[in-house]
PDB file of all heavy atoms in Angstrom:
ATOM      1  N   TRP A   1      62.591   1.728 -20.383  1.00  0.00           N
ATOM      2  CA  TRP A   1      62.045   3.083 -20.530  1.00  0.00           C
ATOM      3  C   TRP A   1      62.073   3.835 -19.198  1.00  0.00           C
ATOM      4  O   TRP A   1      62.460   5.017 -19.157  1.00  0.00           O
ATOM      5  CB  TRP A   1      60.613   2.988 -21.056  1.00  0.00           C
ATOM      6  CG  TRP A   1      60.003   4.363 -21.321  1.00  0.00           C
ATOM      7  CD1 TRP A   1      60.059   5.050 -22.457  1.00  0.00           C
ATOM      8  CD2 TRP A   1      59.300   5.164 -20.398  1.00  0.00           C
ATOM      9  NE1 TRP A   1      59.414   6.278 -22.314  1.00  0.00           N
ATOM     10  CE2 TRP A   1      58.927   6.355 -21.041  1.00  0.00           C
ATOM     11  CE3 TRP A   1      58.893   4.991 -19.072  1.00  0.00           C
ATOM     12  CZ2 TRP A   1      58.209   7.361 -20.432  1.00  0.00           C
ATOM     13  CZ3 TRP A   1      58.203   6.019 -18.425  1.00  0.00           C
ATOM     14  CH2 TRP A   1      57.848   7.170 -19.113  1.00  0.00           C
ATOM     15  N   ALA A   2      61.654   3.172 -18.131  1.00  0.00           N
ATOM     16  CA  ALA A   2      61.597   3.858 -16.827  1.00  0.00           C
ATOM     17  C   ALA A   2      62.968   4.269 -16.362  1.00  0.00           C
ATOM     18  O   ALA A   2      63.168   5.390 -15.851  1.00  0.00           O
ATOM     19  CB  ALA A   2      60.940   2.919 -15.790  1.00  0.00           C
ATOM     20  N   ILE A   3      63.969   3.405 -16.543  1.00  0.00           N
ATOM     21  CA  ILE A   3      65.316   3.755 -16.164  1.00  0.00           C
ATOM     22  C   ILE A   3      65.835   4.903 -17.003  1.00  0.00           C
ATOM     23  O   ILE A   3      66.425   5.906 -16.467  1.00  0.00           O
ATOM     24  CB  ILE A   3      66.247   2.540 -16.302  1.00  0.00           C
ATOM     25  CG1 ILE A   3      65.901   1.460 -15.291  1.00  0.00           C
ATOM     26  CG2 ILE A   3      67.740   2.930 -16.152  1.00  0.00           C
ATOM     27  CD1 ILE A   3      66.592   0.143 -15.504  1.00  0.00           C
ATOM     28  N   GLY A   4      65.596   4.874 -18.313  1.00  0.00           N
ATOM     29  CA  GLY A   4      66.080   5.951 -19.176  1.00  0.00           C
ATOM     30  C   GLY A   4      65.349   7.257 -18.960  1.00  0.00           C
ATOM     31  O   GLY A   4      65.951   8.316 -19.089  1.00  0.00           O
ATOM     32  N   ALA A   5      64.058   7.169 -18.604  1.00  0.00           N
ATOM     33  CA  ALA A   5      63.269   8.409 -18.469  1.00  0.00           C
ATOM     34  C   ALA A   5      63.349   9.034 -17.072  1.00  0.00           C
ATOM     35  O   ALA A   5      63.281  10.241 -16.973  1.00  0.00           O
ATOM     36  CB  ALA A   5      61.789   8.125 -18.810  1.00  0.00           C
ATOM     37  N   VAL A   6      63.469   8.203 -16.038  1.00  0.00           N
ATOM     38  CA  VAL A   6      63.403   8.714 -14.682  1.00  0.00           C
ATOM     39  C   VAL A   6      64.752   8.709 -13.955  1.00  0.00           C
ATOM     40  O   VAL A   6      65.196   9.685 -13.375  1.00  0.00           O
ATOM     41  CB  VAL A   6      62.374   7.902 -13.862  1.00  0.00           C
ATOM     42  CG1 VAL A   6      62.303   8.421 -12.414  1.00  0.00           C
ATOM     43  CG2 VAL A   6      61.005   7.925 -14.503  1.00  0.00           C
ATOM     44  N   VAL A   7      65.471   7.614 -14.041  1.00  0.00           N
ATOM     45  CA  VAL A   7      66.721   7.451 -13.279  1.00  0.00           C
ATOM     46  C   VAL A   7      67.878   8.197 -13.976  1.00  0.00           C
ATOM     47  O   VAL A   7      68.589   8.990 -13.344  1.00  0.00           O
ATOM     48  CB  VAL A   7      67.090   5.966 -13.116  1.00  0.00           C
ATOM     49  CG1 VAL A   7      68.441   5.833 -12.392  1.00  0.00           C
ATOM     50  CG2 VAL A   7      65.965   5.237 -12.328  1.00  0.00           C
ATOM     51  N   CYS A   8      68.023   7.953 -15.251  1.00  0.00           N
ATOM     52  CA  CYS A   8      69.210   8.511 -15.979  1.00  0.00           C
ATOM     53  C   CYS A   8      69.300  10.020 -15.976  1.00  0.00           C
ATOM     54  O   CYS A   8      70.399  10.584 -15.908  1.00  0.00           O
ATOM     55  CB  CYS A   8      69.237   7.950 -17.388  1.00  0.00           C
ATOM     56  SG  CYS A   8      69.623   6.189 -17.466  1.00  0.00           S
ATOM     57  N   PRO A   9      68.162  10.790 -16.101  1.00  0.00           N
ATOM     58  CA  PRO A   9      68.335  12.237 -16.082  1.00  0.00           C
ATOM     59  C   PRO A   9      68.974  12.779 -14.821  1.00  0.00           C
ATOM     60  O   PRO A   9      69.724  13.767 -14.874  1.00  0.00           O
ATOM     61  CB  PRO A   9      66.868  12.731 -16.202  1.00  0.00           C
ATOM     62  CG  PRO A   9      66.157  11.649 -16.922  1.00  0.00           C
ATOM     63  CD  PRO A   9      66.812  10.395 -16.427  1.00  0.00           C
ATOM     64  N   PHE A  10      68.695  12.139 -13.711  1.00  0.00           N
ATOM     65  CA  PHE A  10      69.294  12.603 -12.450  1.00  0.00           C
ATOM     66  C   PHE A  10      70.720  12.123 -12.265  1.00  0.00           C
ATOM     67  O   PHE A  10      71.597  12.911 -11.841  1.00  0.00           O
ATOM     68  CB  PHE A  10      68.390  12.143 -11.268  1.00  0.00           C
ATOM     69  CG  PHE A  10      67.016  12.703 -11.333  1.00  0.00           C
ATOM     70  CD1 PHE A  10      65.958  11.945 -11.843  1.00  0.00           C
ATOM     71  CD2 PHE A  10      66.729  13.973 -10.882  1.00  0.00           C
ATOM     72  CE1 PHE A  10      64.685  12.482 -11.904  1.00  0.00           C
ATOM     73  CE2 PHE A  10      65.461  14.505 -10.927  1.00  0.00           C
ATOM     74  CZ  PHE A  10      64.436  13.737 -11.463  1.00  0.00           C
ATOM     75  N   THR A  11      70.966  10.863 -12.581  1.00  0.00           N
ATOM     76  CA  THR A  11      72.346  10.353 -12.481  1.00  0.00           C
ATOM     77  C   THR A  11      73.260  11.026 -13.479  1.00  0.00           C
ATOM     78  O   THR A  11      74.454  11.251 -13.220  1.00  0.00           O
ATOM     79  CB  THR A  11      72.375   8.852 -12.693  1.00  0.00           C
ATOM     80  OG1 THR A  11      71.797   8.519 -13.942  1.00  0.00           O
ATOM     81  CG2 THR A  11      71.586   8.133 -11.573  1.00  0.00           C
ATOM     82  N   ASP A  12      72.725  11.380 -14.665  1.00  0.00           N
ATOM     83  CA  ASP A  12      73.510  12.084 -15.692  1.00  0.00           C
ATOM     84  C   ASP A  12      74.057  13.438 -15.142  1.00  0.00           C
ATOM     85  O   ASP A  12      75.202  13.776 -15.336  1.00  0.00           O
ATOM     86  CB  ASP A  12      72.661  12.325 -16.951  1.00  0.00           C
ATOM     87  CG  ASP A  12      73.311  13.324 -17.887  1.00  0.00           C
ATOM     88  OD1 ASP A  12      74.201  12.950 -18.673  1.00  0.00           O
ATOM     89  OD2 ASP A  12      72.899  14.514 -17.868  1.00  0.00           O
ATOM     90  N   PHE A  13      73.156  14.180 -14.480  1.00  0.00           N
ATOM     91  CA  PHE A  13      73.557  15.497 -13.960  1.00  0.00           C
ATOM     92  C   PHE A  13      74.694  15.353 -12.947  1.00  0.00           C
ATOM     93  O   PHE A  13      75.676  16.087 -13.002  1.00  0.00           O
ATOM     94  CB  PHE A  13      72.371  16.191 -13.314  1.00  0.00           C
ATOM     95  CG  PHE A  13      72.683  17.530 -12.691  1.00  0.00           C
ATOM     96  CD1 PHE A  13      72.908  18.639 -13.480  1.00  0.00           C
ATOM     97  CD2 PHE A  13      72.786  17.647 -11.324  1.00  0.00           C
ATOM     98  CE1 PHE A  13      73.223  19.877 -12.910  1.00  0.00           C
ATOM     99  CE2 PHE A  13      73.088  18.853 -10.746  1.00  0.00           C
ATOM    100  CZ  PHE A  13      73.329  19.968 -11.551  1.00  0.00           C
ATOM    101  N   PHE A  14      74.563  14.415 -12.037  1.00  0.00           N
ATOM    102  CA  PHE A  14      75.599  14.257 -10.998  1.00  0.00           C
ATOM    103  C   PHE A  14      76.861  13.643 -11.597  1.00  0.00           C
ATOM    104  O   PHE A  14      77.969  13.975 -11.128  1.00  0.00           O
ATOM    105  CB  PHE A  14      75.062  13.382  -9.880  1.00  0.00           C
ATOM    106  CG  PHE A  14      74.123  14.094  -8.960  1.00  0.00           C
ATOM    107  CD1 PHE A  14      72.775  14.045  -9.185  1.00  0.00           C
ATOM    108  CD2 PHE A  14      74.602  14.832  -7.887  1.00  0.00           C
ATOM    109  CE1 PHE A  14      71.902  14.722  -8.344  1.00  0.00           C
ATOM    110  CE2 PHE A  14      73.732  15.530  -7.052  1.00  0.00           C
ATOM    111  CZ  PHE A  14      72.369  15.442  -7.269  1.00  0.00           C
ATOM    112  N   ALA A  15      76.735  12.837 -12.648  1.00  0.00           N
ATOM    113  CA  ALA A  15      77.924  12.289 -13.272  1.00  0.00           C
ATOM    114  C   ALA A  15      78.703  13.352 -13.993  1.00  0.00           C
ATOM    115  O   ALA A  15      79.944  13.334 -14.010  1.00  0.00           O
ATOM    116  CB  ALA A  15      77.513  11.167 -14.247  1.00  0.00           C
ATOM    117  N   ARG A  16      78.011  14.273 -14.634  1.00  0.00           N
ATOM    118  CA  ARG A  16      78.698  15.327 -15.386  1.00  0.00           C
ATOM    119  C   ARG A  16      79.355  16.349 -14.503  1.00  0.00           C
ATOM    120  O   ARG A  16      80.382  16.927 -14.865  1.00  0.00           O
ATOM    121  CB  ARG A  16      77.708  16.030 -16.356  1.00  0.00           C
ATOM    122  CG  ARG A  16      77.352  15.228 -17.562  1.00  0.00           C
ATOM    123  CD  ARG A  16      76.531  16.013 -18.569  1.00  0.00           C
ATOM    124  NE  ARG A  16      75.210  16.319 -18.050  1.00  0.00           N
ATOM    125  CZ  ARG A  16      74.746  17.527 -17.834  1.00  0.00           C
ATOM    126  NH1 ARG A  16      75.523  18.599 -18.074  1.00  0.00           N
ATOM    127  NH2 ARG A  16      73.523  17.752 -17.407  1.00  0.00           N
ATOM    128  N   HIS A  17      78.779  16.661 -13.345  1.00  0.00           N
ATOM    129  CA  HIS A  17      79.293  17.711 -12.504  1.00  0.00           C
ATOM    130  C   HIS A  17      79.929  17.282 -11.228  1.00  0.00           C
ATOM    131  O   HIS A  17      80.507  18.108 -10.504  1.00  0.00           O
ATOM    132  CB  HIS A  17      78.135  18.712 -12.219  1.00  0.00           C
ATOM    133  CG  HIS A  17      77.566  19.398 -13.398  1.00  0.00           C
ATOM    134  ND1 HIS A  17      78.276  20.343 -14.124  1.00  0.00           N
ATOM    135  CD2 HIS A  17      76.377  19.227 -14.062  1.00  0.00           C
ATOM    136  CE1 HIS A  17      77.534  20.748 -15.155  1.00  0.00           C
ATOM    137  NE2 HIS A  17      76.423  20.065 -15.119  1.00  0.00           N
ATOM    138  N   GLY A  18      79.831  15.987 -10.909  1.00  0.00           N
ATOM    139  CA  GLY A  18      80.538  15.454  -9.721  1.00  0.00           C
ATOM    140  C   GLY A  18      80.157  16.161  -8.443  1.00  0.00           C
ATOM    141  O   GLY A  18      78.973  16.414  -8.188  1.00  0.00           O
ATOM    142  N   ARG A  19      81.158  16.467  -7.615  1.00  0.00           N
ATOM    143  CA  ARG A  19      80.908  17.074  -6.329  1.00  0.00           C
ATOM    144  C   ARG A  19      80.338  18.466  -6.432  1.00  0.00           C
ATOM    145  O   ARG A  19      79.713  18.972  -5.498  1.00  0.00           O
ATOM    146  CB  ARG A  19      82.188  17.098  -5.483  1.00  0.00           C
ATOM    147  CG  ARG A  19      82.655  15.748  -5.007  1.00  0.00           C
ATOM    148  CD  ARG A  19      83.985  15.819  -4.268  1.00  0.00           C
ATOM    149  NE  ARG A  19      85.042  16.333  -5.108  1.00  0.00           N
ATOM    150  CZ  ARG A  19      86.270  16.565  -4.696  1.00  0.00           C
ATOM    151  NH1 ARG A  19      86.600  16.363  -3.441  1.00  0.00           N
ATOM    152  NH2 ARG A  19      87.213  16.999  -5.533  1.00  0.00           N
ATOM    153  N   GLN A  20      80.564  19.104  -7.563  1.00  0.00           N
ATOM    154  CA  GLN A  20      80.041  20.453  -7.751  1.00  0.00           C
ATOM    155  C   GLN A  20      78.523  20.473  -8.005  1.00  0.00           C
ATOM    156  O   GLN A  20      77.928  21.552  -7.957  1.00  0.00           O
ATOM    157  CB  GLN A  20      80.759  21.124  -8.927  1.00  0.00           C
ATOM    158  CG  GLN A  20      82.256  21.318  -8.691  1.00  0.00           C
ATOM    159  CD  GLN A  20      83.023  21.711  -9.929  1.00  0.00           C
ATOM    160  OE1 GLN A  20      82.537  21.431 -11.041  1.00  0.00           O
ATOM    161  NE2 GLN A  20      84.124  22.368  -9.771  1.00  0.00           N
ATOM    162  N   ALA A  21      77.950  19.325  -8.303  1.00  0.00           N
ATOM    163  CA  ALA A  21      76.506  19.250  -8.649  1.00  0.00           C
ATOM    164  C   ALA A  21      75.642  19.789  -7.512  1.00  0.00           C
ATOM    165  O   ALA A  21      74.691  20.520  -7.749  1.00  0.00           O
ATOM    166  CB  ALA A  21      76.125  17.803  -8.998  1.00  0.00           C
ATOM    167  N   LEU A  22      75.968  19.435  -6.266  1.00  0.00           N
ATOM    168  CA  LEU A  22      75.156  19.906  -5.146  1.00  0.00           C
ATOM    169  C   LEU A  22      75.205  21.424  -4.989  1.00  0.00           C
ATOM    170  O   LEU A  22      74.181  22.058  -4.731  1.00  0.00           O
ATOM    171  CB  LEU A  22      75.599  19.218  -3.859  1.00  0.00           C
ATOM    172  CG  LEU A  22      75.248  17.740  -3.712  1.00  0.00           C
ATOM    173  CD1 LEU A  22      75.853  17.174  -2.414  1.00  0.00           C
ATOM    174  CD2 LEU A  22      73.729  17.561  -3.716  1.00  0.00           C
ATOM    175  N   TRP A  23      76.387  22.012  -5.201  1.00  0.00           N
ATOM    176  CA  TRP A  23      76.507  23.434  -5.111  1.00  0.00           C
ATOM    177  C   TRP A  23      75.750  24.103  -6.253  1.00  0.00           C
ATOM    178  O   TRP A  23      75.136  25.192  -6.053  1.00  0.00           O
ATOM    179  CB  TRP A  23      77.988  23.883  -5.163  1.00  0.00           C
ATOM    180  CG  TRP A  23      78.699  23.627  -3.870  1.00  0.00           C
ATOM    181  CD1 TRP A  23      79.679  22.686  -3.644  1.00  0.00           C
ATOM    182  CD2 TRP A  23      78.450  24.287  -2.627  1.00  0.00           C
ATOM    183  NE1 TRP A  23      80.063  22.723  -2.332  1.00  0.00           N
ATOM    184  CE2 TRP A  23      79.355  23.695  -1.675  1.00  0.00           C
ATOM    185  CE3 TRP A  23      77.645  25.302  -2.227  1.00  0.00           C
ATOM    186  CZ2 TRP A  23      79.393  24.112  -0.356  1.00  0.00           C
ATOM    187  CZ3 TRP A  23      77.640  25.711  -0.894  1.00  0.00           C
ATOM    188  CH2 TRP A  23      78.534  25.122   0.008  1.00  0.00           C
ATOM    189  N   LEU A  24      75.737  23.509  -7.418  1.00  0.00           N
ATOM    190  CA  LEU A  24      74.962  24.049  -8.521  1.00  0.00           C
ATOM    191  C   LEU A  24      73.452  24.047  -8.197  1.00  0.00           C
ATOM    192  O   LEU A  24      72.759  24.995  -8.482  1.00  0.00           O
ATOM    193  CB  LEU A  24      75.246  23.251  -9.812  1.00  0.00           C
ATOM    194  CG  LEU A  24      76.600  23.459 -10.460  1.00  0.00           C
ATOM    195  CD1 LEU A  24      76.816  22.466 -11.587  1.00  0.00           C
ATOM    196  CD2 LEU A  24      76.751  24.917 -10.986  1.00  0.00           C
ATOM    197  N   LEU A  25      73.015  22.957  -7.592  1.00  0.00           N
ATOM    198  CA  LEU A  25      71.593  22.876  -7.216  1.00  0.00           C
ATOM    199  C   LEU A  25      71.262  23.933  -6.119  1.00  0.00           C
ATOM    200  O   LEU A  25      70.183  24.508  -6.148  1.00  0.00           O
ATOM    201  CB  LEU A  25      71.238  21.467  -6.730  1.00  0.00           C
ATOM    202  CG  LEU A  25      71.273  20.382  -7.804  1.00  0.00           C
ATOM    203  CD1 LEU A  25      70.995  19.009  -7.162  1.00  0.00           C
ATOM    204  CD2 LEU A  25      70.261  20.687  -8.876  1.00  0.00           C
ATOM    205  N   VAL A  26      72.170  24.125  -5.188  1.00  0.00           N
ATOM    206  CA  VAL A  26      71.999  25.152  -4.203  1.00  0.00           C
ATOM    207  C   VAL A  26      71.864  26.527  -4.868  1.00  0.00           C
ATOM    208  O   VAL A  26      70.987  27.352  -4.522  1.00  0.00           O
ATOM    209  CB  VAL A  26      73.142  25.156  -3.152  1.00  0.00           C
ATOM    210  CG1 VAL A  26      73.051  26.420  -2.253  1.00  0.00           C
ATOM    211  CG2 VAL A  26      73.099  23.898  -2.331  1.00  0.00           C
ATOM    212  N   PHE A  27      72.726  26.786  -5.823  1.00  0.00           N
ATOM    213  CA  PHE A  27      72.700  28.042  -6.564  1.00  0.00           C
ATOM    214  C   PHE A  27      71.373  28.232  -7.285  1.00  0.00           C
ATOM    215  O   PHE A  27      70.775  29.332  -7.273  1.00  0.00           O
ATOM    216  CB  PHE A  27      73.846  28.121  -7.560  1.00  0.00           C
ATOM    217  CG  PHE A  27      73.871  29.395  -8.366  1.00  0.00           C
ATOM    218  CD1 PHE A  27      74.008  30.627  -7.747  1.00  0.00           C
ATOM    219  CD2 PHE A  27      73.752  29.326  -9.743  1.00  0.00           C
ATOM    220  CE1 PHE A  27      74.000  31.794  -8.497  1.00  0.00           C
ATOM    221  CE2 PHE A  27      73.755  30.488 -10.514  1.00  0.00           C
ATOM    222  CZ  PHE A  27      73.885  31.714  -9.872  1.00  0.00           C
ATOM    223  N   VAL A  28      70.885  27.165  -7.939  1.00  0.00           N
ATOM    224  CA  VAL A  28      69.602  27.231  -8.612  1.00  0.00           C
ATOM    225  C   VAL A  28      68.488  27.607  -7.651  1.00  0.00           C
ATOM    226  O   VAL A  28      67.601  28.410  -7.933  1.00  0.00           O
ATOM    227  CB  VAL A  28      69.309  25.911  -9.308  1.00  0.00           C
ATOM    228  CG1 VAL A  28      67.849  25.891  -9.850  1.00  0.00           C
ATOM    229  CG2 VAL A  28      70.243  25.636 -10.467  1.00  0.00           C
ATOM    230  N   GLY A  29      68.566  27.036  -6.437  1.00  0.00           N
ATOM    231  CA  GLY A  29      67.540  27.315  -5.440  1.00  0.00           C
ATOM    232  C   GLY A  29      67.588  28.689  -4.843  1.00  0.00           C
ATOM    233  O   GLY A  29      66.548  29.221  -4.401  1.00  0.00           O
ATOM    234  N   VAL A  30      68.755  29.321  -4.774  1.00  0.00           N
ATOM    235  CA  VAL A  30      68.858  30.625  -4.095  1.00  0.00           C
ATOM    236  C   VAL A  30      68.940  31.828  -5.038  1.00  0.00           C
ATOM    237  O   VAL A  30      68.857  32.935  -4.579  1.00  0.00           O
ATOM    238  CB  VAL A  30      70.077  30.639  -3.147  1.00  0.00           C
ATOM    239  CG1 VAL A  30      69.991  29.532  -2.113  1.00  0.00           C
ATOM    240  CG2 VAL A  30      71.395  30.555  -3.920  1.00  0.00           C
ATOM    241  N   PHE A  31      69.141  31.580  -6.358  1.00  0.00           N
ATOM    242  CA  PHE A  31      69.359  32.714  -7.243  1.00  0.00           C
ATOM    243  C   PHE A  31      68.191  33.720  -7.238  1.00  0.00           C
ATOM    244  O   PHE A  31      68.363  34.915  -7.222  1.00  0.00           O
ATOM    245  CB  PHE A  31      69.622  32.217  -8.665  1.00  0.00           C
ATOM    246  CG  PHE A  31      69.968  33.337  -9.653  1.00  0.00           C
ATOM    247  CD1 PHE A  31      71.264  33.821  -9.692  1.00  0.00           C
ATOM    248  CD2 PHE A  31      69.032  33.868 -10.484  1.00  0.00           C
ATOM    249  CE1 PHE A  31      71.606  34.851 -10.564  1.00  0.00           C
ATOM    250  CE2 PHE A  31      69.343  34.925 -11.346  1.00  0.00           C
ATOM    251  CZ  PHE A  31      70.638  35.379 -11.386  1.00  0.00           C
ATOM    252  N   ARG A  32      66.955  33.183  -7.238  1.00  0.00           N
ATOM    253  CA  ARG A  32      65.776  34.072  -7.286  1.00  0.00           C
ATOM    254  C   ARG A  32      65.165  34.262  -5.900  1.00  0.00           C
ATOM    255  O   ARG A  32      64.065  34.827  -5.771  1.00  0.00           O
ATOM    256  CB  ARG A  32      64.734  33.485  -8.226  1.00  0.00           C
ATOM    257  CG  ARG A  32      65.149  33.366  -9.686  1.00  0.00           C
ATOM    258  CD  ARG A  32      65.337  34.749 -10.351  1.00  0.00           C
ATOM    259  NE  ARG A  32      64.164  35.580 -10.174  1.00  0.00           N
ATOM    260  CZ  ARG A  32      63.106  35.504 -10.967  1.00  0.00           C
ATOM    261  NH1 ARG A  32      63.039  34.656 -11.965  1.00  0.00           N
ATOM    262  NH2 ARG A  32      62.076  36.337 -10.769  1.00  0.00           N
ATOM    263  N   ILE A  33      65.814  33.789  -4.848  1.00  0.00           N
ATOM    264  CA  ILE A  33      65.190  33.798  -3.526  1.00  0.00           C
ATOM    265  C   ILE A  33      64.936  35.218  -3.021  1.00  0.00           C
ATOM    266  O   ILE A  33      63.947  35.489  -2.344  1.00  0.00           O
ATOM    267  CB  ILE A  33      66.037  33.006  -2.526  1.00  0.00           C
ATOM    268  CG1 ILE A  33      65.186  32.573  -1.337  1.00  0.00           C
ATOM    269  CG2 ILE A  33      67.314  33.730  -2.093  1.00  0.00           C
ATOM    270  CD1 ILE A  33      65.865  31.583  -0.424  1.00  0.00           C
ATOM    271  N   SER A  34      65.817  36.160  -3.360  1.00  0.00           N
ATOM    272  CA  SER A  34      65.691  37.519  -2.871  1.00  0.00           C
ATOM    273  C   SER A  34      64.437  38.201  -3.405  1.00  0.00           C
ATOM    274  O   SER A  34      63.638  38.750  -2.625  1.00  0.00           O
ATOM    275  CB  SER A  34      66.930  38.328  -3.243  1.00  0.00           C
ATOM    276  OG  SER A  34      66.819  39.667  -2.790  1.00  0.00           O
ATOM    277  N   ASP A  35      64.219  38.194  -4.740  1.00  0.00           N
ATOM    278  CA  ASP A  35      63.058  38.908  -5.274  1.00  0.00           C
ATOM    279  C   ASP A  35      61.779  38.102  -5.088  1.00  0.00           C
ATOM    280  O   ASP A  35      60.710  38.706  -4.951  1.00  0.00           O
ATOM    281  CB  ASP A  35      63.286  39.205  -6.748  1.00  0.00           C
ATOM    282  CG  ASP A  35      63.614  37.988  -7.599  1.00  0.00           C
ATOM    283  OD1 ASP A  35      64.628  37.355  -7.372  1.00  0.00           O
ATOM    284  OD2 ASP A  35      62.828  37.668  -8.538  1.00  0.00           O
ATOM    285  N   LEU A  36      61.833  36.762  -5.052  1.00  0.00           N
ATOM    286  CA  LEU A  36      60.596  36.008  -4.818  1.00  0.00           C
ATOM    287  C   LEU A  36      60.127  36.108  -3.350  1.00  0.00           C
ATOM    288  O   LEU A  36      58.927  36.161  -3.107  1.00  0.00           O
ATOM    289  CB  LEU A  36      60.848  34.541  -5.158  1.00  0.00           C
ATOM    290  CG  LEU A  36      60.968  34.146  -6.612  1.00  0.00           C
ATOM    291  CD1 LEU A  36      61.313  32.687  -6.782  1.00  0.00           C
ATOM    292  CD2 LEU A  36      59.698  34.490  -7.360  1.00  0.00           C
ATOM    293  N   ALA A  37      61.075  36.211  -2.421  1.00  0.00           N
ATOM    294  CA  ALA A  37      60.706  36.304  -1.009  1.00  0.00           C
ATOM    295  C   ALA A  37      59.992  37.646  -0.703  1.00  0.00           C
ATOM    296  O   ALA A  37      59.144  37.696   0.178  1.00  0.00           O
ATOM    297  CB  ALA A  37      61.926  36.172  -0.137  1.00  0.00           C
ATOM    298  N   MET A  38      60.332  38.701  -1.445  1.00  0.00           N
ATOM    299  CA  MET A  38      59.704  39.996  -1.151  1.00  0.00           C
ATOM    300  C   MET A  38      58.444  40.246  -1.967  1.00  0.00           C
ATOM    301  O   MET A  38      57.712  41.195  -1.710  1.00  0.00           O
ATOM    302  CB  MET A  38      60.706  41.152  -1.425  1.00  0.00           C
ATOM    303  CG  MET A  38      61.302  41.207  -2.829  1.00  0.00           C
ATOM    304  SD  MET A  38      60.232  41.778  -4.183  1.00  0.00           S
ATOM    305  CE  MET A  38      59.960  43.479  -3.715  1.00  0.00           C
ATOM    306  N   ALA A  39      58.178  39.370  -2.927  1.00  0.00           N
ATOM    307  CA  ALA A  39      57.092  39.667  -3.885  1.00  0.00           C
ATOM    308  C   ALA A  39      55.710  39.803  -3.210  1.00  0.00           C
ATOM    309  O   ALA A  39      54.897  40.651  -3.603  1.00  0.00           O
ATOM    310  CB  ALA A  39      57.033  38.578  -4.938  1.00  0.00           C
ATOM    311  N   SER A  40      55.465  39.025  -2.149  1.00  0.00           N
ATOM    312  CA  SER A  40      54.141  39.046  -1.520  1.00  0.00           C
ATOM    313  C   SER A  40      53.872  40.364  -0.824  1.00  0.00           C
ATOM    314  O   SER A  40      52.679  40.703  -0.550  1.00  0.00           O
ATOM    315  CB  SER A  40      54.029  37.879  -0.537  1.00  0.00           C
ATOM    316  OG  SER A  40      54.972  38.050   0.543  1.00  0.00           O
ATOM    317  N   MET A  41      54.901  41.151  -0.468  1.00  0.00           N
ATOM    318  CA  MET A  41      54.704  42.357   0.294  1.00  0.00           C
ATOM    319  C   MET A  41      54.807  43.626  -0.549  1.00  0.00           C
ATOM    320  O   MET A  41      54.665  44.726  -0.018  1.00  0.00           O
ATOM    321  CB  MET A  41      55.725  42.419   1.439  1.00  0.00           C
ATOM    322  CG  MET A  41      55.473  41.430   2.540  1.00  0.00           C
ATOM    323  SD  MET A  41      53.917  41.747   3.445  1.00  0.00           S
ATOM    324  CE  MET A  41      52.864  40.462   2.781  1.00  0.00           C
ATOM    325  N   ALA A  42      55.014  43.500  -1.858  1.00  0.00           N
ATOM    326  CA  ALA A  42      55.148  44.694  -2.697  1.00  0.00           C
ATOM    327  C   ALA A  42      53.840  45.463  -2.794  1.00  0.00           C
ATOM    328  O   ALA A  42      53.741  46.663  -2.485  1.00  0.00           O
ATOM    329  CB  ALA A  42      55.659  44.308  -4.070  1.00  0.00           C
ATOM    330  N   ASN A  43      52.733  44.765  -3.190  1.00  0.00           N
ATOM    331  CA  ASN A  43      51.460  45.453  -3.327  1.00  0.00           C
ATOM    332  C   ASN A  43      50.932  45.970  -1.990  1.00  0.00           C
ATOM    333  O   ASN A  43      50.429  47.095  -1.928  1.00  0.00           O
ATOM    334  CB  ASN A  43      50.418  44.512  -3.986  1.00  0.00           C
ATOM    335  CG  ASN A  43      50.569  44.505  -5.486  1.00  0.00           C
ATOM    336  OD1 ASN A  43      51.075  45.456  -6.102  1.00  0.00           O
ATOM    337  ND2 ASN A  43      50.125  43.419  -6.122  1.00  0.00           N
ATOM    338  N   PRO A  44      51.023  45.198  -0.867  1.00  0.00           N
ATOM    339  CA  PRO A  44      50.623  45.770   0.397  1.00  0.00           C
ATOM    340  C   PRO A  44      51.413  47.064   0.752  1.00  0.00           C
ATOM    341  O   PRO A  44      50.843  47.993   1.350  1.00  0.00           O
ATOM    342  CB  PRO A  44      50.946  44.646   1.408  1.00  0.00           C
ATOM    343  CG  PRO A  44      50.766  43.393   0.573  1.00  0.00           C
ATOM    344  CD  PRO A  44      51.280  43.764  -0.759  1.00  0.00           C
TER     345      PRO A  44
END
């Protein structure tokens, strides 16, 4: 259960996307960075 629930979800993603997986994760991390970074200063 632990292998199927914890290990496999992560290895599955990298197995499906190969070397492109890291770039996809970078994209996920930066897509909203512009509007989230400015959010704290809008009301001020």
